[in-house]
Amino acid sequence: MTQQQSKKTETHIELNVHELDIILKALELVENGDEIQINRSSGSLDTLYDRLYDYYVTLDTSNVELNYESYVEPSF
């Protein structure tokens, strides 16, 4: 068996609620042109978002809030 044939196609990782929140927010910020390119080359971002969100809603999100460092100005 060659090195290429033995590579996995899936993995399991543990993410905390804050890490998952960051990924979901980043997916929301992908621009339309980039989304189309990613969808063509790697698969649906909407499907990935939905799968991750399904996990997210099972977690305790009560501590997920905007906490800025004193030197960071919110951009909104």
Protein backbone atom coordinates (compact mmCIF):
# COMPACT_ATOMS: atom_id res chain seq x y z
CA MET A 1 0.00 0.00 0.00
CA THR A 2 1.45 3.38 -0.95
CA GLN A 3 1.53 6.45 1.26
CA GLN A 4 -1.21 8.08 -0.85
CA GLN A 5 -3.59 5.12 -0.46
CA SER A 6 -3.30 5.01 3.32
CA LYS A 7 -4.36 8.61 3.95
CA LYS A 8 -7.62 9.13 5.79
CA THR A 9 -10.48 11.11 4.33
CA GLU A 10 -12.05 12.00 7.68
CA THR A 11 -10.85 12.93 11.13
CA HIS A 12 -12.39 13.72 14.48
CA ILE A 13 -11.37 16.82 16.39
CA GLU A 14 -12.68 18.40 19.53
CA LEU A 15 -13.59 22.07 19.34
CA ASN A 16 -14.83 24.18 22.20
CA VAL A 17 -17.81 26.46 21.80
CA HIS A 18 -15.62 29.52 21.17
CA GLU A 19 -13.60 27.82 18.43
CA LEU A 20 -16.76 26.61 16.72
CA ASP A 21 -18.25 30.11 17.00
CA ILE A 22 -15.19 31.57 15.24
CA ILE A 23 -15.44 29.06 12.40
CA LEU A 24 -19.16 29.72 11.93
CA LYS A 25 -18.61 33.48 11.88
CA ALA A 26 -15.76 33.11 9.40
CA LEU A 27 -17.98 31.02 7.11
CA GLU A 28 -20.62 33.77 7.24
CA LEU A 29 -18.02 36.30 6.03
CA VAL A 30 -16.97 34.41 2.90
CA GLU A 31 -17.78 36.61 -0.07
CA ASN A 32 -20.04 35.34 -2.84
CA GLY A 33 -17.30 34.99 -5.48
CA ASP A 34 -15.08 33.09 -3.06
CA GLU A 35 -17.98 30.90 -1.98
CA ILE A 36 -18.70 29.91 -5.57
CA GLN A 37 -15.05 29.00 -6.14
CA ILE A 38 -14.86 26.98 -2.90
CA ASN A 39 -18.15 25.22 -3.66
CA ARG A 40 -16.80 24.16 -7.06
CA SER A 41 -13.48 22.90 -5.78
CA SER A 42 -14.24 21.55 -2.32
CA GLY A 43 -17.97 21.25 -1.70
CA SER A 44 -20.83 23.30 -0.32
CA LEU A 45 -20.03 25.89 2.34
CA ASP A 46 -23.72 25.98 3.25
CA THR A 47 -23.68 22.26 4.00
CA LEU A 48 -20.54 22.62 6.11
CA TYR A 49 -22.05 25.56 7.98
CA ASP A 50 -25.27 23.63 8.66
CA ARG A 51 -23.37 20.59 9.94
CA LEU A 52 -21.21 22.68 12.26
CA TYR A 53 -24.20 24.72 13.43
CA ASP A 54 -26.05 21.52 14.35
CA TYR A 55 -23.19 20.75 16.76
CA TYR A 56 -22.98 24.35 17.95
CA VAL A 57 -26.60 24.49 19.11
CA THR A 58 -26.02 21.47 21.34
CA LEU A 59 -23.29 23.32 23.26
CA ASP A 60 -23.59 25.77 26.14
CA THR A 61 -23.31 29.12 24.37
CA SER A 62 -24.14 31.25 27.41
CA ASN A 63 -20.51 32.40 27.70
CA VAL A 64 -20.09 33.27 24.03
CA GLU A 65 -20.03 37.04 24.03
CA LEU A 66 -18.04 39.85 22.54
CA ASN A 67 -15.07 40.58 24.78
CA TYR A 68 -12.63 43.03 23.26
CA GLU A 69 -9.15 43.76 24.44
CA SER A 70 -8.81 47.38 25.55
CA TYR A 71 -6.72 48.17 22.45
CA VAL A 72 -9.16 46.64 19.94
CA GLU A 73 -11.82 48.86 18.47
CA PRO A 74 -14.92 47.08 17.18
CA SER A 75 -15.34 47.68 13.46
CA PHE A 76 -19.08 48.15 13.65
